Amino acid sequence: MGETVCVTGANGFIGSWLVRTLLEKGYTVRGTCQPRTPTTHLLSLPAADLRLSLFEADLLDSAAIHAAVSGCSGVFHVASPCTLDDPRDPQEELLRPAVEGTLNVLEASRISGARRVVVTSSISSLVPNPGWPHHEKPVDEGSWTDLDYCRSRKKWYAVSKTLAEKEAWDYGKKHGLDIVTVHPSTCLGPLLQPGLNASSAVLLNLLQGSNDTQEYYWLGCVDVRDVANAHVLLFEMPSASGRYLCTNGIHQFRDFAKTVTNLCPDYPIHSFTEETQPGLMDCKDAAKKLIDLGHVFTPIDETIKDAVASLEAKGFLALGKRQ
């Protein structure tokens, strides 16, 4: 058997594909899931009966996190609270679970003797950053989200991801724990889990005619299968270090909408004529740091087609299609 690793948030969109990828590569996987959340899709994965164990573990339950991580040589910290609606209590719903939960996972990883922790951060810890010289160079791993800017606009998810990542880097430095972070852009592709996740909802809303520009969150898109593969690559590659943007290029949401329109002409997709992300500089190889390690991205057209087919198959688009 391969190494034993832990995936937090194993039954989420990214987590599910990461578990599937790890099982395919021969790893033994211990996955954490929030209590009373669906896991049947994980238990039906190939080799799940042989090499997958699931643990109910809230991020704030340090004992449960320690039990799941114990004995693992690697940890993938994917879990982070995210809501499709505005939180009523941002501190308790998003900020505290993200920050304290991350510290619980890192502490458990250190005690377990994990050789590396791959933390799923986000473009939401890179942007929005009004101070970035947008007209001079594309956004890269050197950018950090402006917390004051986000707080003033109540962009609490971005605040939670940024605070959690900063705490992770401080912890790693203090305790000598090997940490690498992955920063996916808007993550799309087939859904393994039964419910709709926030990033897939971006595409769903677009297909249903939304005119939301995703101004605060958009930095391009990426295939969820590529994100899973990137996690494994960064765990296995000894030379990997620091932050890794994971996106199939940086481009305006306006341009993404045009691509979706061309691929899905039967849907009432809004046409954006102005820049949706003012000043954002396009970059085809924005994830150069990851590409240089050997990562190859799936073409965007393929990702969109597979994502739309999955949304249709699961019934999310039954009312959105133009009659």
C-alpha atoms as a PDB file:
ATOM      1  CA  MET A   1       0.000   0.000   0.000  1.00  0.00           C
ATOM      2  CA  GLY A   2       1.048   3.604  -0.552  1.00  0.00           C
ATOM      3  CA  GLU A   3       1.406   6.258   2.096  1.00  0.00           C
ATOM      4  CA  THR A   4      -1.423   7.083   4.446  1.00  0.00           C
ATOM      5  CA  VAL A   5      -2.646  10.655   4.077  1.00  0.00           C
ATOM      6  CA  CYS A   6      -5.517  12.697   5.448  1.00  0.00           C
ATOM      7  CA  VAL A   7      -7.885  14.941   3.479  1.00  0.00           C
ATOM      8  CA  THR A   8      -9.973  17.399   5.473  1.00  0.00           C
ATOM      9  CA  GLY A   9     -13.283  18.349   3.908  1.00  0.00           C
ATOM     10  CA  ALA A  10     -13.152  15.086   1.990  1.00  0.00           C
ATOM     11  CA  ASN A  11     -16.744  15.188   0.773  1.00  0.00           C
ATOM     12  CA  GLY A  12     -16.651  18.690  -0.711  1.00  0.00           C
ATOM     13  CA  PHE A  13     -16.133  19.542  -4.372  1.00  0.00           C
ATOM     14  CA  ILE A  14     -12.332  19.680  -4.349  1.00  0.00           C
ATOM     15  CA  GLY A  15     -12.026  17.199  -1.491  1.00  0.00           C
ATOM     16  CA  SER A  16     -14.027  14.513  -3.287  1.00  0.00           C
ATOM     17  CA  TRP A  17     -11.899  14.734  -6.423  1.00  0.00           C
ATOM     18  CA  LEU A  18      -8.744  14.775  -4.328  1.00  0.00           C
ATOM     19  CA  VAL A  19      -9.811  11.608  -2.503  1.00  0.00           C
ATOM     20  CA  ARG A  20     -10.598   9.941  -5.822  1.00  0.00           C
ATOM     21  CA  THR A  21      -7.221  10.976  -7.265  1.00  0.00           C
ATOM     22  CA  LEU A  22      -5.299   9.772  -4.217  1.00  0.00           C
ATOM     23  CA  LEU A  23      -7.068   6.414  -4.254  1.00  0.00           C
ATOM     24  CA  GLU A  24      -6.281   6.025  -7.945  1.00  0.00           C
ATOM     25  CA  LYS A  25      -2.616   6.669  -7.159  1.00  0.00           C
ATOM     26  CA  GLY A  26      -2.527   3.972  -4.487  1.00  0.00           C
ATOM     27  CA  TYR A  27      -2.670   6.078  -1.338  1.00  0.00           C
ATOM     28  CA  THR A  28      -4.531   5.031   1.785  1.00  0.00           C
ATOM     29  CA  VAL A  29      -6.823   7.933   2.628  1.00  0.00           C
ATOM     30  CA  ARG A  30      -8.334   9.118   5.887  1.00  0.00           C
ATOM     31  CA  GLY A  31     -10.962  11.748   5.186  1.00  0.00           C
ATOM     32  CA  THR A  32     -12.719  14.147   7.527  1.00  0.00           C
ATOM     33  CA  CYS A  33     -16.288  15.291   6.940  1.00  0.00           C
ATOM     34  CA  GLN A  34     -18.589  17.570   8.867  1.00  0.00           C
ATOM     35  CA  PRO A  35     -21.085  15.576  10.948  1.00  0.00           C
ATOM     36  CA  ARG A  36     -24.319  14.684   9.169  1.00  0.00           C
ATOM     37  CA  THR A  37     -23.088  15.498   5.668  1.00  0.00           C
ATOM     38  CA  PRO A  38     -23.370  13.195   2.610  1.00  0.00           C
ATOM     39  CA  THR A  39     -20.549  10.670   2.109  1.00  0.00           C
ATOM     40  CA  THR A  40     -22.130   7.950  -0.036  1.00  0.00           C
ATOM     41  CA  HIS A  41     -20.398   9.244  -3.177  1.00  0.00           C
ATOM     42  CA  LEU A  42     -17.012   8.751  -1.489  1.00  0.00           C
ATOM     43  CA  LEU A  43     -17.763   5.258  -0.238  1.00  0.00           C
ATOM     44  CA  SER A  44     -18.670   4.202  -3.790  1.00  0.00           C
ATOM     45  CA  LEU A  45     -15.305   5.281  -5.262  1.00  0.00           C
ATOM     46  CA  PRO A  46     -13.034   2.526  -6.641  1.00  0.00           C
ATOM     47  CA  ALA A  47     -10.863   1.068  -3.849  1.00  0.00           C
ATOM     48  CA  ALA A  48     -12.768   3.011  -1.174  1.00  0.00           C
ATOM     49  CA  ASP A  49     -13.662  -0.221   0.573  1.00  0.00           C
ATOM     50  CA  LEU A  50      -9.985  -1.083   0.848  1.00  0.00           C
ATOM     51  CA  ARG A  51      -8.190   2.220   1.397  1.00  0.00           C
ATOM     52  CA  LEU A  52     -10.625   4.895   2.565  1.00  0.00           C
ATOM     53  CA  SER A  53     -11.653   5.660   6.129  1.00  0.00           C
ATOM     54  CA  LEU A  54     -13.998   8.521   6.948  1.00  0.00           C
ATOM     55  CA  PHE A  55     -14.117  10.479  10.197  1.00  0.00           C
ATOM     56  CA  GLU A  56     -16.791  12.863  11.390  1.00  0.00           C
ATOM     57  CA  ALA A  57     -14.774  15.854  12.517  1.00  0.00           C
ATOM     58  CA  ASP A  58     -15.728  19.481  12.948  1.00  0.00           C
ATOM     59  CA  LEU A  59     -12.750  21.769  12.314  1.00  0.00           C
ATOM     60  CA  LEU A  60     -13.068  23.206  15.818  1.00  0.00           C
ATOM     61  CA  ASP A  61     -13.028  19.737  17.420  1.00  0.00           C
ATOM     62  CA  SER A  62      -9.300  19.326  17.932  1.00  0.00           C
ATOM     63  CA  ALA A  63      -9.634  15.807  19.386  1.00  0.00           C
ATOM     64  CA  ALA A  64     -11.546  14.585  16.338  1.00  0.00           C
ATOM     65  CA  ILE A  65      -9.027  16.226  13.989  1.00  0.00           C
ATOM     66  CA  HIS A  66      -6.117  14.594  15.857  1.00  0.00           C
ATOM     67  CA  ALA A  67      -7.809  11.183  15.615  1.00  0.00           C
ATOM     68  CA  ALA A  68      -8.205  11.520  11.847  1.00  0.00           C
ATOM     69  CA  VAL A  69      -4.667  12.797  11.194  1.00  0.00           C
ATOM     70  CA  SER A  70      -2.897  10.402  13.549  1.00  0.00           C
ATOM     71  CA  GLY A  71      -0.462   8.154  11.683  1.00  0.00           C
ATOM     72  CA  CYS A  72      -0.593  10.136   8.442  1.00  0.00           C
ATOM     73  CA  SER A  73       2.611  11.071   6.650  1.00  0.00           C
ATOM     74  CA  GLY A  74       0.862  13.759   4.650  1.00  0.00           C
ATOM     75  CA  VAL A  75      -2.126  16.026   5.169  1.00  0.00           C
ATOM     76  CA  PHE A  76      -4.242  17.913   2.635  1.00  0.00           C
ATOM     77  CA  HIS A  77      -6.155  20.634   4.450  1.00  0.00           C
ATOM     78  CA  VAL A  78      -9.022  21.366   2.065  1.00  0.00           C
ATOM     79  CA  ALA A  79     -11.851  22.079   4.505  1.00  0.00           C
ATOM     80  CA  SER A  80     -12.880  25.687   4.956  1.00  0.00           C
ATOM     81  CA  PRO A  81     -16.334  27.101   5.682  1.00  0.00           C
ATOM     82  CA  CYS A  82     -18.051  28.604   2.667  1.00  0.00           C
ATOM     83  CA  THR A  83     -21.642  29.683   2.181  1.00  0.00           C
ATOM     84  CA  LEU A  84     -23.757  30.519  -0.855  1.00  0.00           C
ATOM     85  CA  ASP A  85     -25.539  33.140   1.252  1.00  0.00           C
ATOM     86  CA  ASP A  86     -24.238  36.111   3.231  1.00  0.00           C
ATOM     87  CA  PRO A  87     -23.331  34.930   6.746  1.00  0.00           C
ATOM     88  CA  ARG A  88     -25.361  36.304   9.628  1.00  0.00           C
ATOM     89  CA  ASP A  89     -22.401  35.945  11.985  1.00  0.00           C
ATOM     90  CA  PRO A  90     -19.173  36.124   9.930  1.00  0.00           C
ATOM     91  CA  GLN A  91     -16.933  35.580  12.962  1.00  0.00           C
ATOM     92  CA  GLU A  92     -18.551  32.305  14.026  1.00  0.00           C
ATOM     93  CA  GLU A  93     -19.636  31.033  10.608  1.00  0.00           C
ATOM     94  CA  LEU A  94     -16.474  31.788   8.613  1.00  0.00           C
ATOM     95  CA  LEU A  95     -13.551  33.450  10.383  1.00  0.00           C
ATOM     96  CA  ARG A  96     -13.163  31.386  13.541  1.00  0.00           C
ATOM     97  CA  PRO A  97     -13.645  27.965  11.896  1.00  0.00           C
ATOM     98  CA  ALA A  98     -11.223  28.870   9.092  1.00  0.00           C
ATOM     99  CA  VAL A  99      -8.455  30.168  11.350  1.00  0.00           C
ATOM    100  CA  GLU A 100      -8.792  27.925  14.406  1.00  0.00           C
ATOM    101  CA  GLY A 101      -9.610  24.948  12.228  1.00  0.00           C
ATOM    102  CA  THR A 102      -6.429  25.442  10.220  1.00  0.00           C
ATOM    103  CA  LEU A 103      -4.366  25.658  13.407  1.00  0.00           C
ATOM    104  CA  ASN A 104      -6.008  22.463  14.714  1.00  0.00           C
ATOM    105  CA  VAL A 105      -5.095  20.623  11.511  1.00  0.00           C
ATOM    106  CA  LEU A 106      -1.519  21.921  11.536  1.00  0.00           C
ATOM    107  CA  GLU A 107      -1.023  20.999  15.191  1.00  0.00           C
ATOM    108  CA  ALA A 108      -2.350  17.507  14.544  1.00  0.00           C
ATOM    109  CA  SER A 109      -0.072  17.219  11.506  1.00  0.00           C
ATOM    110  CA  ARG A 110       2.980  18.236  13.515  1.00  0.00           C
ATOM    111  CA  ILE A 111       2.232  15.772  16.288  1.00  0.00           C
ATOM    112  CA  SER A 112       1.619  13.024  13.729  1.00  0.00           C
ATOM    113  CA  GLY A 113       4.996  13.710  12.126  1.00  0.00           C
ATOM    114  CA  ALA A 114       3.549  14.553   8.712  1.00  0.00           C
ATOM    115  CA  ARG A 115       6.331  15.324   6.259  1.00  0.00           C
ATOM    116  CA  ARG A 116       4.276  17.940   4.415  1.00  0.00           C
ATOM    117  CA  VAL A 117       0.933  19.706   4.684  1.00  0.00           C
ATOM    118  CA  VAL A 118      -0.683  20.971   1.493  1.00  0.00           C
ATOM    119  CA  VAL A 119      -3.131  23.731   2.387  1.00  0.00           C
ATOM    120  CA  THR A 120      -5.933  24.601  -0.022  1.00  0.00           C
ATOM    121  CA  SER A 121      -5.952  28.372   0.024  1.00  0.00           C
ATOM    122  CA  SER A 122      -7.706  30.357  -2.710  1.00  0.00           C
ATOM    123  CA  ILE A 123      -7.503  33.233  -5.127  1.00  0.00           C
ATOM    124  CA  SER A 124      -9.500  34.895  -2.361  1.00  0.00           C
ATOM    125  CA  SER A 125      -6.257  35.282  -0.427  1.00  0.00           C
ATOM    126  CA  LEU A 126      -4.632  36.904  -3.502  1.00  0.00           C
ATOM    127  CA  VAL A 127      -7.421  39.270  -4.579  1.00  0.00           C
ATOM    128  CA  PRO A 128      -9.055  41.709  -4.245  1.00  0.00           C
ATOM    129  CA  ASN A 129      -5.906  43.768  -3.854  1.00  0.00           C
ATOM    130  CA  PRO A 130      -6.443  47.349  -5.062  1.00  0.00           C
ATOM    131  CA  GLY A 131      -2.795  48.144  -4.383  1.00  0.00           C
ATOM    132  CA  TRP A 132      -1.519  45.632  -6.928  1.00  0.00           C
ATOM    133  CA  PRO A 133      -0.020  47.317 -10.030  1.00  0.00           C
ATOM    134  CA  HIS A 134      -2.666  45.760 -12.298  1.00  0.00           C
ATOM    135  CA  HIS A 135      -1.703  47.722 -15.405  1.00  0.00           C
ATOM    136  CA  GLU A 136       1.938  46.716 -15.026  1.00  0.00           C
ATOM    137  CA  LYS A 137       1.862  42.969 -14.387  1.00  0.00           C
ATOM    138  CA  PRO A 138      -0.576  40.073 -13.913  1.00  0.00           C
ATOM    139  CA  VAL A 139      -1.544  38.961 -10.438  1.00  0.00           C
ATOM    140  CA  ASP A 140       0.814  36.308  -9.109  1.00  0.00           C
ATOM    141  CA  GLU A 141       1.705  34.562  -5.864  1.00  0.00           C
ATOM    142  CA  GLY A 142       3.186  37.757  -4.473  1.00  0.00           C
ATOM    143  CA  SER A 143      -0.244  39.326  -4.094  1.00  0.00           C
ATOM    144  CA  TRP A 144      -2.182  39.324  -0.819  1.00  0.00           C
ATOM    145  CA  THR A 145      -5.827  40.227  -0.409  1.00  0.00           C
ATOM    146  CA  ASP A 146      -6.426  43.613   1.209  1.00  0.00           C
ATOM    147  CA  LEU A 147      -8.200  42.726   4.459  1.00  0.00           C
ATOM    148  CA  ASP A 148      -9.403  46.247   5.228  1.00  0.00           C
ATOM    149  CA  TYR A 149     -10.816  46.563   1.714  1.00  0.00           C
ATOM    150  CA  CYS A 150     -12.698  43.267   2.103  1.00  0.00           C
ATOM    151  CA  ARG A 151     -13.954  44.040   5.594  1.00  0.00           C
ATOM    152  CA  SER A 152     -15.340  47.381   4.412  1.00  0.00           C
ATOM    153  CA  ARG A 153     -17.276  45.560   1.680  1.00  0.00           C
ATOM    154  CA  LYS A 154     -18.245  42.574   3.869  1.00  0.00           C
ATOM    155  CA  LYS A 155     -16.352  40.075   1.701  1.00  0.00           C
ATOM    156  CA  TRP A 156     -15.983  37.700   4.624  1.00  0.00           C
ATOM    157  CA  TYR A 157     -14.937  34.588   2.737  1.00  0.00           C
ATOM    158  CA  ALA A 158     -11.878  36.396   1.380  1.00  0.00           C
ATOM    159  CA  VAL A 159     -11.082  37.608   4.887  1.00  0.00           C
ATOM    160  CA  SER A 160     -11.386  34.084   6.286  1.00  0.00           C
ATOM    161  CA  LYS A 161      -9.116  32.523   3.650  1.00  0.00           C
ATOM    162  CA  THR A 162      -6.494  35.240   3.986  1.00  0.00           C
ATOM    163  CA  LEU A 163      -6.378  35.113   7.779  1.00  0.00           C
ATOM    164  CA  ALA A 164      -6.226  31.305   7.754  1.00  0.00           C
ATOM    165  CA  GLU A 165      -3.340  31.250   5.291  1.00  0.00           C
ATOM    166  CA  LYS A 166      -1.377  33.872   7.192  1.00  0.00           C
ATOM    167  CA  GLU A 167      -1.800  31.832  10.377  1.00  0.00           C
ATOM    168  CA  ALA A 168      -0.644  28.721   8.518  1.00  0.00           C
ATOM    169  CA  TRP A 169       2.576  30.371   7.364  1.00  0.00           C
ATOM    170  CA  ASP A 170       3.249  31.724  10.855  1.00  0.00           C
ATOM    171  CA  TYR A 171       2.676  28.280  12.370  1.00  0.00           C
ATOM    172  CA  GLY A 172       4.907  26.558   9.843  1.00  0.00           C
ATOM    173  CA  LYS A 173       7.726  29.001  10.438  1.00  0.00           C
ATOM    174  CA  LYS A 174       7.434  28.750  14.218  1.00  0.00           C
ATOM    175  CA  HIS A 175       7.288  24.947  14.375  1.00  0.00           C
ATOM    176  CA  GLY A 176       9.333  23.967  11.328  1.00  0.00           C
ATOM    177  CA  LEU A 177       6.367  22.314   9.620  1.00  0.00           C
ATOM    178  CA  ASP A 178       6.684  21.906   5.831  1.00  0.00           C
ATOM    179  CA  ILE A 179       3.697  23.718   4.302  1.00  0.00           C
ATOM    180  CA  VAL A 180       2.756  24.407   0.686  1.00  0.00           C
ATOM    181  CA  THR A 181      -0.361  26.332  -0.343  1.00  0.00           C
ATOM    182  CA  VAL A 182      -2.524  25.935  -3.464  1.00  0.00           C
ATOM    183  CA  HIS A 183      -4.613  28.851  -4.745  1.00  0.00           C
ATOM    184  CA  PRO A 184      -7.339  27.651  -7.131  1.00  0.00           C
ATOM    185  CA  SER A 185      -9.261  30.180  -9.170  1.00  0.00           C
ATOM    186  CA  THR A 186     -12.987  29.559  -9.767  1.00  0.00           C
ATOM    187  CA  CYS A 187     -13.106  25.766  -9.722  1.00  0.00           C
ATOM    188  CA  LEU A 188     -15.342  24.032 -12.268  1.00  0.00           C
ATOM    189  CA  GLY A 189     -15.967  20.543 -13.597  1.00  0.00           C
ATOM    190  CA  PRO A 190     -18.074  17.453 -12.879  1.00  0.00           C
ATOM    191  CA  LEU A 191     -19.671  17.240  -9.443  1.00  0.00           C
ATOM    192  CA  LEU A 192     -19.037  14.065  -7.481  1.00  0.00           C
ATOM    193  CA  GLN A 193     -20.920  15.324  -4.424  1.00  0.00           C
ATOM    194  CA  PRO A 194     -24.745  15.525  -4.534  1.00  0.00           C
ATOM    195  CA  GLY A 195     -25.052  19.216  -3.643  1.00  0.00           C
ATOM    196  CA  LEU A 196     -24.107  22.451  -5.373  1.00  0.00           C
ATOM    197  CA  ASN A 197     -20.902  24.167  -4.267  1.00  0.00           C
ATOM    198  CA  ALA A 198     -20.139  27.892  -4.443  1.00  0.00           C
ATOM    199  CA  SER A 199     -17.796  27.838  -7.443  1.00  0.00           C
ATOM    200  CA  SER A 200     -20.111  25.671  -9.552  1.00  0.00           C
ATOM    201  CA  ALA A 201     -22.909  28.084  -8.638  1.00  0.00           C
ATOM    202  CA  VAL A 202     -20.981  30.822 -10.481  1.00  0.00           C
ATOM    203  CA  LEU A 203     -21.373  28.895 -13.741  1.00  0.00           C
ATOM    204  CA  LEU A 204     -24.942  27.883 -12.942  1.00  0.00           C
ATOM    205  CA  ASN A 205     -25.972  31.486 -12.306  1.00  0.00           C
ATOM    206  CA  LEU A 206     -24.304  32.619 -15.518  1.00  0.00           C
ATOM    207  CA  LEU A 207     -26.198  29.979 -17.498  1.00  0.00           C
ATOM    208  CA  GLN A 208     -29.422  31.173 -15.917  1.00  0.00           C
ATOM    209  CA  GLY A 209     -28.894  34.780 -17.023  1.00  0.00           C
ATOM    210  CA  SER A 210     -27.206  36.407 -14.042  1.00  0.00           C
ATOM    211  CA  ASN A 211     -25.397  39.680 -14.727  1.00  0.00           C
ATOM    212  CA  ASP A 212     -23.105  39.342 -11.684  1.00  0.00           C
ATOM    213  CA  THR A 213     -19.579  40.281 -12.809  1.00  0.00           C
ATOM    214  CA  GLN A 214     -17.837  38.352  -9.997  1.00  0.00           C
ATOM    215  CA  GLU A 215     -15.748  41.505  -9.576  1.00  0.00           C
ATOM    216  CA  TYR A 216     -14.334  40.616  -6.175  1.00  0.00           C
ATOM    217  CA  TYR A 217     -13.706  36.940  -6.809  1.00  0.00           C
ATOM    218  CA  TRP A 218     -12.807  36.359 -10.442  1.00  0.00           C
ATOM    219  CA  LEU A 219      -9.248  35.625 -11.589  1.00  0.00           C
ATOM    220  CA  GLY A 220     -10.002  32.965 -14.200  1.00  0.00           C
ATOM    221  CA  CYS A 221     -11.144  29.369 -13.823  1.00  0.00           C
ATOM    222  CA  VAL A 222      -9.638  25.911 -13.428  1.00  0.00           C
ATOM    223  CA  ASP A 223     -10.736  22.298 -13.743  1.00  0.00           C
ATOM    224  CA  VAL A 224     -11.387  20.613 -10.388  1.00  0.00           C
ATOM    225  CA  ARG A 225      -9.486  17.556 -11.633  1.00  0.00           C
ATOM    226  CA  ASP A 226      -6.461  19.770 -12.291  1.00  0.00           C
ATOM    227  CA  VAL A 227      -6.735  21.156  -8.762  1.00  0.00           C
ATOM    228  CA  ALA A 228      -6.733  17.638  -7.327  1.00  0.00           C
ATOM    229  CA  ASN A 229      -3.706  16.665  -9.422  1.00  0.00           C
ATOM    230  CA  ALA A 230      -1.905  19.856  -8.396  1.00  0.00           C
ATOM    231  CA  HIS A 231      -2.370  18.986  -4.724  1.00  0.00           C
ATOM    232  CA  VAL A 232      -0.806  15.577  -5.211  1.00  0.00           C
ATOM    233  CA  LEU A 233       2.023  16.981  -7.316  1.00  0.00           C
ATOM    234  CA  LEU A 234       2.882  19.527  -4.639  1.00  0.00           C
ATOM    235  CA  PHE A 235       2.851  16.842  -1.977  1.00  0.00           C
ATOM    236  CA  GLU A 236       5.090  14.523  -3.948  1.00  0.00           C
ATOM    237  CA  MET A 237       7.523  17.095  -5.358  1.00  0.00           C
ATOM    238  CA  PRO A 238      10.333  17.674  -2.813  1.00  0.00           C
ATOM    239  CA  SER A 239      11.327  20.989  -4.402  1.00  0.00           C
ATOM    240  CA  ALA A 240       7.846  22.495  -4.079  1.00  0.00           C
ATOM    241  CA  SER A 241       7.663  25.405  -1.654  1.00  0.00           C
ATOM    242  CA  GLY A 242       5.602  28.486  -0.991  1.00  0.00           C
ATOM    243  CA  ARG A 243       2.372  29.559  -2.700  1.00  0.00           C
ATOM    244  CA  TYR A 244       1.070  28.170  -6.010  1.00  0.00           C
ATOM    245  CA  LEU A 245      -1.590  29.898  -8.086  1.00  0.00           C
ATOM    246  CA  CYS A 246      -3.696  27.210  -9.774  1.00  0.00           C
ATOM    247  CA  THR A 247      -5.618  28.676 -12.698  1.00  0.00           C
ATOM    248  CA  ASN A 248      -5.964  28.025 -16.404  1.00  0.00           C
ATOM    249  CA  GLY A 249      -4.933  31.584 -17.158  1.00  0.00           C
ATOM    250  CA  ILE A 250      -6.078  34.985 -15.927  1.00  0.00           C
ATOM    251  CA  HIS A 251      -8.836  36.591 -17.983  1.00  0.00           C
ATOM    252  CA  GLN A 252     -11.876  38.827 -17.610  1.00  0.00           C
ATOM    253  CA  PHE A 253     -15.162  37.253 -16.527  1.00  0.00           C
ATOM    254  CA  ARG A 254     -16.572  38.958 -19.624  1.00  0.00           C
ATOM    255  CA  ASP A 255     -14.375  36.731 -21.796  1.00  0.00           C
ATOM    256  CA  PHE A 256     -15.335  33.637 -19.834  1.00  0.00           C
ATOM    257  CA  ALA A 257     -19.014  34.462 -20.404  1.00  0.00           C
ATOM    258  CA  LYS A 258     -18.357  34.721 -24.156  1.00  0.00           C
ATOM    259  CA  THR A 259     -16.740  31.294 -24.154  1.00  0.00           C
ATOM    260  CA  VAL A 260     -19.678  29.773 -22.278  1.00  0.00           C
ATOM    261  CA  THR A 261     -22.098  31.453 -24.697  1.00  0.00           C
ATOM    262  CA  ASN A 262     -20.328  29.897 -27.675  1.00  0.00           C
ATOM    263  CA  LEU A 263     -20.358  26.458 -26.070  1.00  0.00           C
ATOM    264  CA  CYS A 264     -23.896  26.664 -24.672  1.00  0.00           C
ATOM    265  CA  PRO A 265     -26.022  28.708 -27.112  1.00  0.00           C
ATOM    266  CA  ASP A 266     -29.295  27.310 -25.691  1.00  0.00           C
ATOM    267  CA  TYR A 267     -28.895  29.191 -22.416  1.00  0.00           C
ATOM    268  CA  PRO A 268     -29.815  32.863 -21.739  1.00  0.00           C
ATOM    269  CA  ILE A 269     -26.279  34.009 -20.890  1.00  0.00           C
ATOM    270  CA  HIS A 270     -25.797  37.713 -20.209  1.00  0.00           C
ATOM    271  CA  SER A 271     -23.420  39.533 -22.566  1.00  0.00           C
ATOM    272  CA  PHE A 272     -20.912  41.766 -20.778  1.00  0.00           C
ATOM    273  CA  THR A 273     -19.638  44.622 -22.943  1.00  0.00           C
ATOM    274  CA  GLU A 274     -17.436  46.452 -20.435  1.00  0.00           C
ATOM    275  CA  GLU A 275     -14.473  45.182 -18.451  1.00  0.00           C
ATOM    276  CA  THR A 276     -15.812  43.102 -15.589  1.00  0.00           C
ATOM    277  CA  GLN A 277     -12.545  43.321 -13.656  1.00  0.00           C
ATOM    278  CA  PRO A 278     -11.263  46.847 -14.403  1.00  0.00           C
ATOM    279  CA  GLY A 279      -7.532  46.868 -15.026  1.00  0.00           C
ATOM    280  CA  LEU A 280      -7.050  43.101 -14.695  1.00  0.00           C
ATOM    281  CA  MET A 281      -4.169  42.021 -16.923  1.00  0.00           C
ATOM    282  CA  ASP A 282      -4.681  38.790 -18.869  1.00  0.00           C
ATOM    283  CA  CYS A 283      -2.060  36.077 -18.594  1.00  0.00           C
ATOM    284  CA  LYS A 284      -2.185  32.689 -20.310  1.00  0.00           C
ATOM    285  CA  ASP A 285       0.479  31.073 -18.135  1.00  0.00           C
ATOM    286  CA  ALA A 286      -0.421  32.721 -14.830  1.00  0.00           C
ATOM    287  CA  ALA A 287       0.280  29.442 -13.005  1.00  0.00           C
ATOM    288  CA  LYS A 288       3.838  29.314 -14.371  1.00  0.00           C
ATOM    289  CA  LYS A 289       5.245  28.299 -10.999  1.00  0.00           C
ATOM    290  CA  LEU A 290       3.025  25.214 -11.048  1.00  0.00           C
ATOM    291  CA  ILE A 291       3.539  24.578 -14.760  1.00  0.00           C
ATOM    292  CA  ASP A 292       7.306  24.587 -14.217  1.00  0.00           C
ATOM    293  CA  LEU A 293       6.845  21.593 -11.905  1.00  0.00           C
ATOM    294  CA  GLY A 294       5.278  19.674 -14.787  1.00  0.00           C
ATOM    295  CA  HIS A 295       1.576  20.396 -14.256  1.00  0.00           C
ATOM    296  CA  VAL A 296      -0.573  20.424 -17.421  1.00  0.00           C
ATOM    297  CA  PHE A 297      -3.961  22.154 -17.430  1.00  0.00           C
ATOM    298  CA  THR A 298      -7.145  20.862 -19.047  1.00  0.00           C
ATOM    299  CA  PRO A 299      -8.482  23.089 -21.868  1.00  0.00           C
ATOM    300  CA  ILE A 300     -11.169  25.461 -20.596  1.00  0.00           C
ATOM    301  CA  ASP A 301     -13.676  24.362 -23.240  1.00  0.00           C
ATOM    302  CA  GLU A 302     -13.473  20.775 -22.008  1.00  0.00           C
ATOM    303  CA  THR A 303     -13.918  21.869 -18.407  1.00  0.00           C
ATOM    304  CA  ILE A 304     -16.985  23.961 -19.223  1.00  0.00           C
ATOM    305  CA  LYS A 305     -18.619  21.195 -21.282  1.00  0.00           C
ATOM    306  CA  ASP A 306     -18.099  18.637 -18.515  1.00  0.00           C
ATOM    307  CA  ALA A 307     -19.318  21.048 -15.845  1.00  0.00           C
ATOM    308  CA  VAL A 308     -22.494  21.921 -17.753  1.00  0.00           C
ATOM    309  CA  ALA A 309     -23.207  18.258 -18.478  1.00  0.00           C
ATOM    310  CA  SER A 310     -22.848  17.491 -14.779  1.00  0.00           C
ATOM    311  CA  LEU A 311     -25.162  20.341 -13.733  1.00  0.00           C
ATOM    312  CA  GLU A 312     -27.725  19.098 -16.247  1.00  0.00           C
ATOM    313  CA  ALA A 313     -27.407  15.481 -15.130  1.00  0.00           C
ATOM    314  CA  LYS A 314     -27.963  16.448 -11.500  1.00  0.00           C
ATOM    315  CA  GLY A 315     -31.008  18.561 -12.346  1.00  0.00           C
ATOM    316  CA  PHE A 316     -29.595  21.955 -11.394  1.00  0.00           C
ATOM    317  CA  LEU A 317     -30.221  23.365 -14.886  1.00  0.00           C
ATOM    318  CA  ALA A 318     -33.733  22.028 -15.451  1.00  0.00           C
ATOM    319  CA  LEU A 319     -35.258  25.511 -15.137  1.00  0.00           C
ATOM    320  CA  GLY A 320     -32.417  27.483 -16.651  1.00  0.00           C
ATOM    321  CA  LYS A 321     -32.483  26.332 -20.234  1.00  0.00           C
ATOM    322  CA  ARG A 322     -34.061  28.617 -22.801  1.00  0.00           C
ATOM    323  CA  GLN A 323     -37.330  27.223 -24.106  1.00  0.00           C
END
